N, C-alpha and C. Protein backbone atom coordinates (compact mmCIF):
# COMPACT_ATOMS: atom_id res chain seq x y z
N MET A 1 -22.30 8.00 -28.16
CA MET A 1 -21.49 9.21 -28.12
C MET A 1 -21.28 9.62 -26.67
N ARG A 2 -20.07 9.97 -26.37
CA ARG A 2 -19.74 10.39 -25.02
C ARG A 2 -19.88 11.90 -24.92
N ALA A 3 -20.70 12.32 -24.01
CA ALA A 3 -20.96 13.74 -23.87
C ALA A 3 -19.76 14.48 -23.28
N PHE A 4 -19.21 13.96 -22.21
CA PHE A 4 -18.07 14.60 -21.55
C PHE A 4 -16.98 13.56 -21.33
N PRO A 5 -16.00 13.48 -22.23
CA PRO A 5 -14.95 12.47 -22.09
C PRO A 5 -14.11 12.66 -20.82
N LEU A 6 -14.04 13.89 -20.29
CA LEU A 6 -13.24 14.11 -19.09
C LEU A 6 -13.90 13.53 -17.84
N LEU A 7 -15.20 13.26 -17.89
CA LEU A 7 -15.88 12.72 -16.72
C LEU A 7 -15.36 11.34 -16.33
N ARG A 8 -14.87 10.58 -17.28
CA ARG A 8 -14.35 9.25 -16.92
C ARG A 8 -13.05 9.36 -16.13
N TYR A 9 -12.41 10.51 -16.20
CA TYR A 9 -11.19 10.72 -15.41
C TYR A 9 -11.48 11.33 -14.05
N LEU A 10 -12.74 11.59 -13.76
CA LEU A 10 -13.12 12.16 -12.48
C LEU A 10 -12.74 11.24 -11.33
N SER A 11 -12.80 9.94 -11.57
CA SER A 11 -12.44 8.99 -10.52
C SER A 11 -10.95 9.04 -10.20
N LEU A 12 -10.14 9.61 -11.07
CA LEU A 12 -8.71 9.79 -10.80
C LEU A 12 -8.41 11.18 -10.25
N ILE A 13 -9.21 12.16 -10.65
CA ILE A 13 -8.92 13.55 -10.27
C ILE A 13 -9.20 13.78 -8.78
N LEU A 14 -10.34 13.29 -8.29
CA LEU A 14 -10.69 13.53 -6.89
C LEU A 14 -9.71 12.89 -5.91
N PRO A 15 -9.29 11.63 -6.09
CA PRO A 15 -8.28 11.07 -5.18
C PRO A 15 -6.94 11.80 -5.28
N ALA A 16 -6.60 12.30 -6.45
CA ALA A 16 -5.34 13.05 -6.59
C ALA A 16 -5.42 14.36 -5.80
N ILE A 17 -6.57 15.00 -5.82
CA ILE A 17 -6.74 16.24 -5.05
C ILE A 17 -6.69 15.94 -3.56
N ARG A 18 -7.31 14.83 -3.14
CA ARG A 18 -7.25 14.44 -1.72
C ARG A 18 -5.82 14.14 -1.29
N LEU A 19 -5.08 13.44 -2.15
CA LEU A 19 -3.69 13.12 -1.84
C LEU A 19 -2.86 14.39 -1.75
N ALA A 20 -3.08 15.31 -2.68
CA ALA A 20 -2.34 16.58 -2.65
C ALA A 20 -2.65 17.34 -1.37
N TRP A 21 -3.91 17.35 -0.95
CA TRP A 21 -4.29 18.06 0.28
C TRP A 21 -3.63 17.40 1.51
N ALA A 22 -3.64 16.07 1.54
CA ALA A 22 -3.02 15.36 2.67
C ALA A 22 -1.52 15.62 2.72
N LEU A 23 -0.86 15.61 1.56
CA LEU A 23 0.57 15.88 1.53
C LEU A 23 0.86 17.34 1.88
N PHE A 24 -0.02 18.23 1.46
CA PHE A 24 0.17 19.65 1.76
C PHE A 24 0.09 19.89 3.26
N ARG A 25 -0.77 19.17 3.95
CA ARG A 25 -0.92 19.34 5.40
C ARG A 25 0.14 18.60 6.20
N ASP A 26 0.84 17.67 5.57
CA ASP A 26 1.84 16.87 6.28
C ASP A 26 3.09 17.71 6.56
N ARG A 27 3.51 17.72 7.81
CA ARG A 27 4.67 18.54 8.20
C ARG A 27 5.99 17.99 7.69
N ARG A 28 5.99 16.73 7.30
CA ARG A 28 7.24 16.12 6.84
C ARG A 28 7.58 16.46 5.40
N VAL A 29 6.66 17.08 4.67
CA VAL A 29 6.90 17.51 3.29
C VAL A 29 7.48 18.92 3.34
N GLY A 30 8.54 19.16 2.59
CA GLY A 30 9.23 20.43 2.62
C GLY A 30 8.39 21.61 2.14
N ALA A 31 8.75 22.79 2.65
CA ALA A 31 7.99 24.00 2.33
C ALA A 31 8.13 24.38 0.86
N LEU A 32 9.30 24.19 0.27
CA LEU A 32 9.47 24.54 -1.14
C LEU A 32 8.64 23.64 -2.05
N ILE A 33 8.51 22.39 -1.67
CA ILE A 33 7.70 21.46 -2.47
C ILE A 33 6.23 21.84 -2.37
N LYS A 34 5.82 22.37 -1.21
CA LYS A 34 4.42 22.76 -1.02
C LYS A 34 4.03 23.98 -1.85
N LEU A 35 5.01 24.66 -2.42
CA LEU A 35 4.69 25.79 -3.30
C LEU A 35 4.06 25.34 -4.61
N LEU A 36 4.33 24.11 -5.04
CA LEU A 36 3.81 23.62 -6.31
C LEU A 36 2.28 23.59 -6.37
N PRO A 37 1.57 23.01 -5.37
CA PRO A 37 0.11 23.07 -5.46
C PRO A 37 -0.44 24.49 -5.33
N ILE A 38 0.26 25.33 -4.57
CA ILE A 38 -0.16 26.73 -4.47
C ILE A 38 -0.06 27.40 -5.84
N MET A 39 1.04 27.12 -6.55
CA MET A 39 1.21 27.68 -7.89
C MET A 39 0.14 27.15 -8.84
N ALA A 40 -0.25 25.88 -8.67
CA ALA A 40 -1.29 25.30 -9.53
C ALA A 40 -2.62 26.02 -9.32
N VAL A 41 -2.98 26.27 -8.07
CA VAL A 41 -4.24 26.96 -7.78
C VAL A 41 -4.19 28.39 -8.31
N ILE A 42 -3.07 29.05 -8.11
CA ILE A 42 -2.93 30.43 -8.60
C ILE A 42 -3.05 30.48 -10.12
N TYR A 43 -2.46 29.50 -10.81
CA TYR A 43 -2.54 29.49 -12.28
C TYR A 43 -3.97 29.29 -12.75
N VAL A 44 -4.70 28.39 -12.09
CA VAL A 44 -6.08 28.12 -12.50
C VAL A 44 -6.96 29.34 -12.25
N VAL A 45 -6.76 30.03 -11.14
CA VAL A 45 -7.60 31.17 -10.77
C VAL A 45 -7.20 32.44 -11.51
N SER A 46 -5.93 32.53 -11.87
CA SER A 46 -5.40 33.75 -12.48
C SER A 46 -6.01 33.99 -13.86
N PRO A 47 -6.27 35.24 -14.18
CA PRO A 47 -6.77 35.54 -15.52
C PRO A 47 -5.68 35.48 -16.60
N LEU A 48 -4.43 35.49 -16.18
CA LEU A 48 -3.32 35.39 -17.14
C LEU A 48 -3.00 33.93 -17.40
N ASP A 49 -3.17 33.49 -18.63
CA ASP A 49 -2.93 32.11 -19.02
C ASP A 49 -2.09 32.08 -20.28
N VAL A 50 -1.55 30.89 -20.57
CA VAL A 50 -0.87 30.70 -21.84
C VAL A 50 -1.90 30.81 -22.96
N LEU A 51 -3.01 30.13 -22.80
CA LEU A 51 -4.14 30.25 -23.72
C LEU A 51 -5.31 30.85 -22.94
N PRO A 52 -5.84 31.96 -23.36
CA PRO A 52 -6.90 32.63 -22.57
C PRO A 52 -8.15 31.77 -22.43
N ASP A 53 -8.83 31.95 -21.29
CA ASP A 53 -10.05 31.19 -21.02
C ASP A 53 -11.23 31.64 -21.87
N ILE A 54 -11.04 32.69 -22.64
CA ILE A 54 -12.11 33.16 -23.52
C ILE A 54 -12.40 32.10 -24.59
N ILE A 55 -11.35 31.41 -25.03
CA ILE A 55 -11.54 30.30 -25.97
C ILE A 55 -12.15 29.16 -25.15
N PRO A 56 -13.38 28.75 -25.41
CA PRO A 56 -14.13 27.89 -24.51
C PRO A 56 -13.43 26.63 -24.00
N VAL A 57 -13.05 25.73 -24.83
CA VAL A 57 -12.52 24.46 -24.35
C VAL A 57 -11.00 24.49 -24.22
N VAL A 58 -10.35 25.09 -25.17
CA VAL A 58 -8.88 25.10 -25.20
C VAL A 58 -8.31 25.83 -23.99
N GLY A 59 -8.94 26.90 -23.56
CA GLY A 59 -8.47 27.64 -22.40
C GLY A 59 -8.56 26.83 -21.12
N TRP A 60 -9.61 26.02 -21.00
CA TRP A 60 -9.78 25.19 -19.80
C TRP A 60 -8.82 24.01 -19.81
N VAL A 61 -8.60 23.43 -20.98
CA VAL A 61 -7.68 22.30 -21.09
C VAL A 61 -6.26 22.76 -20.75
N ASP A 62 -5.93 23.95 -21.16
CA ASP A 62 -4.63 24.53 -20.83
C ASP A 62 -4.45 24.61 -19.30
N ASP A 63 -5.49 25.04 -18.59
CA ASP A 63 -5.43 25.11 -17.13
C ASP A 63 -5.26 23.72 -16.52
N LEU A 64 -6.00 22.75 -17.04
CA LEU A 64 -5.91 21.39 -16.52
C LEU A 64 -4.52 20.80 -16.74
N ILE A 65 -3.93 21.06 -17.88
CA ILE A 65 -2.61 20.50 -18.17
C ILE A 65 -1.55 21.11 -17.26
N VAL A 66 -1.57 22.42 -17.10
CA VAL A 66 -0.56 23.07 -16.25
C VAL A 66 -0.76 22.68 -14.79
N ALA A 67 -2.01 22.73 -14.30
CA ALA A 67 -2.28 22.37 -12.90
C ALA A 67 -1.97 20.89 -12.65
N GLY A 68 -2.34 20.04 -13.59
CA GLY A 68 -2.05 18.61 -13.45
C GLY A 68 -0.55 18.33 -13.46
N GLY A 69 0.17 19.05 -14.31
CA GLY A 69 1.63 18.88 -14.34
C GLY A 69 2.28 19.33 -13.04
N LEU A 70 1.81 20.43 -12.49
CA LEU A 70 2.36 20.90 -11.21
C LEU A 70 2.04 19.93 -10.08
N LEU A 71 0.83 19.36 -10.07
CA LEU A 71 0.49 18.38 -9.04
C LEU A 71 1.31 17.10 -9.21
N LEU A 72 1.51 16.68 -10.46
CA LEU A 72 2.34 15.50 -10.70
C LEU A 72 3.77 15.74 -10.22
N LEU A 73 4.30 16.91 -10.48
CA LEU A 73 5.64 17.26 -10.00
C LEU A 73 5.66 17.28 -8.47
N PHE A 74 4.59 17.77 -7.85
CA PHE A 74 4.47 17.77 -6.39
C PHE A 74 4.53 16.34 -5.85
N PHE A 75 3.80 15.42 -6.49
CA PHE A 75 3.81 14.03 -6.04
C PHE A 75 5.18 13.39 -6.22
N LEU A 76 5.86 13.73 -7.30
CA LEU A 76 7.17 13.13 -7.57
C LEU A 76 8.27 13.68 -6.65
N LEU A 77 8.16 14.95 -6.27
CA LEU A 77 9.20 15.55 -5.43
C LEU A 77 8.96 15.33 -3.93
N ALA A 78 7.74 15.02 -3.54
CA ALA A 78 7.47 14.72 -2.13
C ALA A 78 8.17 13.41 -1.78
N PRO A 79 8.60 13.28 -0.52
CA PRO A 79 9.26 12.02 -0.12
C PRO A 79 8.38 10.81 -0.42
N ARG A 80 8.99 9.84 -1.07
CA ARG A 80 8.23 8.68 -1.56
C ARG A 80 7.52 7.93 -0.44
N GLY A 81 8.18 7.75 0.68
CA GLY A 81 7.58 7.02 1.78
C GLY A 81 6.33 7.69 2.31
N ILE A 82 6.35 9.02 2.34
CA ILE A 82 5.19 9.75 2.84
C ILE A 82 4.03 9.65 1.84
N VAL A 83 4.35 9.73 0.55
CA VAL A 83 3.31 9.59 -0.48
C VAL A 83 2.68 8.20 -0.39
N LEU A 84 3.51 7.17 -0.27
CA LEU A 84 2.98 5.81 -0.16
C LEU A 84 2.15 5.63 1.11
N GLU A 85 2.58 6.25 2.18
CA GLU A 85 1.84 6.18 3.43
C GLU A 85 0.43 6.75 3.27
N HIS A 86 0.33 7.88 2.59
CA HIS A 86 -0.99 8.49 2.37
C HIS A 86 -1.80 7.69 1.36
N LEU A 87 -1.16 7.10 0.37
CA LEU A 87 -1.89 6.28 -0.60
C LEU A 87 -2.46 5.03 0.05
N ARG A 88 -1.72 4.48 1.01
CA ARG A 88 -2.22 3.29 1.71
C ARG A 88 -3.31 3.62 2.70
N GLY A 89 -3.47 4.90 2.99
CA GLY A 89 -4.54 5.30 3.89
C GLY A 89 -4.13 5.38 5.34
N THR A 90 -2.84 5.22 5.63
CA THR A 90 -2.43 5.29 7.03
C THR A 90 -2.34 6.73 7.48
N GLY A 91 -2.23 7.66 6.54
CA GLY A 91 -2.24 9.08 6.88
C GLY A 91 -1.02 9.52 7.65
N VAL A 92 -1.15 10.65 8.30
CA VAL A 92 -0.04 11.21 9.05
C VAL A 92 0.16 10.38 10.31
N ARG A 93 1.40 10.00 10.51
CA ARG A 93 1.70 9.24 11.72
C ARG A 93 1.57 10.14 12.93
N LYS A 94 1.04 9.58 13.98
CA LYS A 94 0.94 10.33 15.22
C LYS A 94 2.29 10.29 15.91
N GLU A 95 2.50 11.24 16.79
CA GLU A 95 3.72 11.25 17.56
C GLU A 95 3.77 9.97 18.39
N PRO A 96 4.94 9.35 18.47
CA PRO A 96 5.00 8.12 19.27
C PRO A 96 4.72 8.43 20.74
N GLU A 97 3.87 7.62 21.30
CA GLU A 97 3.53 7.81 22.70
C GLU A 97 4.63 7.25 23.58
N GLU A 98 4.82 7.89 24.71
CA GLU A 98 5.83 7.40 25.64
C GLU A 98 5.30 6.12 26.27
N PRO A 99 6.17 5.15 26.43
CA PRO A 99 5.69 3.91 27.04
C PRO A 99 5.27 4.18 28.49
N ALA A 100 4.25 3.47 28.91
CA ALA A 100 3.76 3.63 30.28
C ALA A 100 4.83 3.17 31.25
N ALA A 101 4.92 3.85 32.37
CA ALA A 101 5.90 3.48 33.39
C ALA A 101 5.54 2.12 33.98
N ASP A 102 6.55 1.42 34.42
CA ASP A 102 6.32 0.12 35.05
C ASP A 102 5.56 0.33 36.35
N PRO A 103 4.59 -0.51 36.62
CA PRO A 103 3.84 -0.36 37.87
C PRO A 103 4.73 -0.69 39.07
N ILE A 104 4.45 -0.04 40.16
CA ILE A 104 5.20 -0.28 41.39
C ILE A 104 4.30 -1.08 42.32
N ASP A 105 4.76 -2.26 42.70
CA ASP A 105 4.01 -3.10 43.63
C ASP A 105 4.36 -2.68 45.05
N GLY A 106 3.38 -2.73 45.89
CA GLY A 106 3.63 -2.38 47.29
C GLY A 106 2.38 -2.57 48.12
N THR A 107 2.52 -2.32 49.41
CA THR A 107 1.39 -2.40 50.32
C THR A 107 1.26 -1.06 51.02
N PHE A 108 0.11 -0.79 51.56
CA PHE A 108 -0.08 0.45 52.28
C PHE A 108 -0.93 0.19 53.51
N ARG A 109 -0.81 1.10 54.44
CA ARG A 109 -1.59 1.02 55.66
C ARG A 109 -2.16 2.40 55.91
N TYR A 110 -3.45 2.48 56.14
CA TYR A 110 -4.11 3.75 56.38
C TYR A 110 -4.07 4.03 57.88
N THR A 111 -3.55 5.19 58.22
CA THR A 111 -3.53 5.62 59.62
C THR A 111 -4.24 6.93 59.74
N ASP A 112 -4.93 7.12 60.83
CA ASP A 112 -5.60 8.38 61.09
C ASP A 112 -4.58 9.33 61.66
N GLU A 113 -4.38 10.47 61.01
CA GLU A 113 -3.35 11.39 61.47
C GLU A 113 -3.74 12.10 62.74
N ASP A 114 -5.02 12.20 63.03
CA ASP A 114 -5.46 12.88 64.25
C ASP A 114 -5.70 11.81 65.33
N GLN A 115 -4.64 11.43 66.04
CA GLN A 115 -4.73 10.38 67.06
C GLN A 115 -4.92 10.95 68.46
N SER A 116 -5.14 12.24 68.60
CA SER A 116 -5.28 12.85 69.91
C SER A 116 -6.63 12.58 70.55
N ARG A 117 -7.57 11.99 69.91
CA ARG A 117 -8.90 11.78 70.47
C ARG A 117 -8.91 10.66 71.41
């Protein structure tokens, strides 16, 4: 008998939360799209639900379904390339560095500027 059937999905839930956090922090994802995870958190924390949390299991499942649906919509509406980039683990691209200037070859001669001695 399985005590907690949702525990087997824990290996999927934690990476999804990490991906959502990485996408939320990425500047290339639009501000309107970033409202979806905020709405998911507000729904889970809010006492107003479709099914009240007073009902032990059904109220919590309702929160999981709505929050999961909002996160799924967030993943689908975020630019695909950015989502794939974070899934591959490359993360946020750094700003491209300017190429180093070409070295200048030359010779020098040290002279003492105080030649009055």
